[in-house]
Amino acid sequence: MNVLIYLIPIALALGGLGLATFLWSLKSGQYDDLEGSSWRVLDDGDDRPDT
């Protein structure tokens, strides 16, 4: 039973860390363009002019 004294704060701290990381990723724009990456994978770049 004494182990719960340590495990509950550790679990709360890890949950808060995960929530803070998720909120940071939302604020930094990680989820703004979900379809752009999938289209960039398929683009072979032939339409760009040579430099």
C-alpha atoms as a PDB file:
ATOM      1  CA  MET A   1       0.000   0.000   0.000  1.00  0.00           C
ATOM      2  CA  ASN A   2       2.944   2.322   0.613  1.00  0.00           C
ATOM      3  CA  VAL A   3       3.948   1.917  -3.036  1.00  0.00           C
ATOM      4  CA  LEU A   4       0.871   3.902  -4.087  1.00  0.00           C
ATOM      5  CA  ILE A   5       2.352   6.964  -2.396  1.00  0.00           C
ATOM      6  CA  TYR A   6       5.073   6.889  -5.074  1.00  0.00           C
ATOM      7  CA  LEU A   7       3.151   5.526  -8.051  1.00  0.00           C
ATOM      8  CA  ILE A   8       0.236   7.980  -8.052  1.00  0.00           C
ATOM      9  CA  PRO A   9       2.394  11.149  -8.269  1.00  0.00           C
ATOM     10  CA  ILE A  10       4.611   9.513 -10.908  1.00  0.00           C
ATOM     11  CA  ALA A  11       1.539   8.588 -12.973  1.00  0.00           C
ATOM     12  CA  LEU A  12       0.120  12.096 -12.631  1.00  0.00           C
ATOM     13  CA  ALA A  13       3.446  13.647 -13.613  1.00  0.00           C
ATOM     14  CA  LEU A  14       3.764  11.435 -16.703  1.00  0.00           C
ATOM     15  CA  GLY A  15       0.178  12.184 -17.697  1.00  0.00           C
ATOM     16  CA  GLY A  16       0.813  15.910 -17.308  1.00  0.00           C
ATOM     17  CA  LEU A  17       3.997  15.611 -19.360  1.00  0.00           C
ATOM     18  CA  GLY A  18       2.107  13.841 -22.126  1.00  0.00           C
ATOM     19  CA  LEU A  19      -0.631  16.463 -22.079  1.00  0.00           C
ATOM     20  CA  ALA A  20       1.923  19.290 -22.179  1.00  0.00           C
ATOM     21  CA  THR A  21       3.700  17.652 -25.124  1.00  0.00           C
ATOM     22  CA  PHE A  22       0.428  17.241 -26.996  1.00  0.00           C
ATOM     23  CA  LEU A  23      -0.559  20.862 -26.383  1.00  0.00           C
ATOM     24  CA  TRP A  24       2.906  22.003 -27.519  1.00  0.00           C
ATOM     25  CA  SER A  25       2.527  20.023 -30.756  1.00  0.00           C
ATOM     26  CA  LEU A  26      -0.863  21.647 -31.388  1.00  0.00           C
ATOM     27  CA  LYS A  27       0.566  25.110 -30.749  1.00  0.00           C
ATOM     28  CA  SER A  28       3.582  24.545 -33.021  1.00  0.00           C
ATOM     29  CA  GLY A  29       1.381  23.514 -35.961  1.00  0.00           C
ATOM     30  CA  GLN A  30       2.202  19.823 -36.209  1.00  0.00           C
ATOM     31  CA  TYR A  31      -1.368  18.973 -37.272  1.00  0.00           C
ATOM     32  CA  ASP A  32      -2.031  21.862 -39.665  1.00  0.00           C
ATOM     33  CA  ASP A  33      -1.502  20.135 -43.031  1.00  0.00           C
ATOM     34  CA  LEU A  34      -2.398  16.457 -42.759  1.00  0.00           C
ATOM     35  CA  GLU A  35      -2.742  15.780 -46.492  1.00  0.00           C
ATOM     36  CA  GLY A  36       0.246  17.780 -47.728  1.00  0.00           C
ATOM     37  CA  SER A  37       2.845  15.212 -46.721  1.00  0.00           C
ATOM     38  CA  SER A  38       1.031  12.384 -48.468  1.00  0.00           C
ATOM     39  CA  TRP A  39       0.902  14.385 -51.715  1.00  0.00           C
ATOM     40  CA  ARG A  40       4.578  15.386 -51.441  1.00  0.00           C
ATOM     41  CA  VAL A  41       5.553  11.711 -51.274  1.00  0.00           C
ATOM     42  CA  LEU A  42       3.856  11.082 -54.613  1.00  0.00           C
ATOM     43  CA  ASP A  43       5.363  14.175 -56.303  1.00  0.00           C
ATOM     44  CA  ASP A  44       8.389  13.238 -58.403  1.00  0.00           C
ATOM     45  CA  GLY A  45       9.431  16.836 -59.048  1.00  0.00           C
ATOM     46  CA  ASP A  46       9.444  16.657 -62.865  1.00  0.00           C
ATOM     47  CA  ASP A  47       7.458  19.870 -63.255  1.00  0.00           C
ATOM     48  CA  ARG A  48      10.172  22.052 -61.693  1.00  0.00           C
ATOM     49  CA  PRO A  49      12.452  24.004 -64.042  1.00  0.00           C
ATOM     50  CA  ASP A  50      16.151  23.134 -64.080  1.00  0.00           C
ATOM     51  CA  THR A  51      18.395  25.643 -62.331  1.00  0.00           C
END
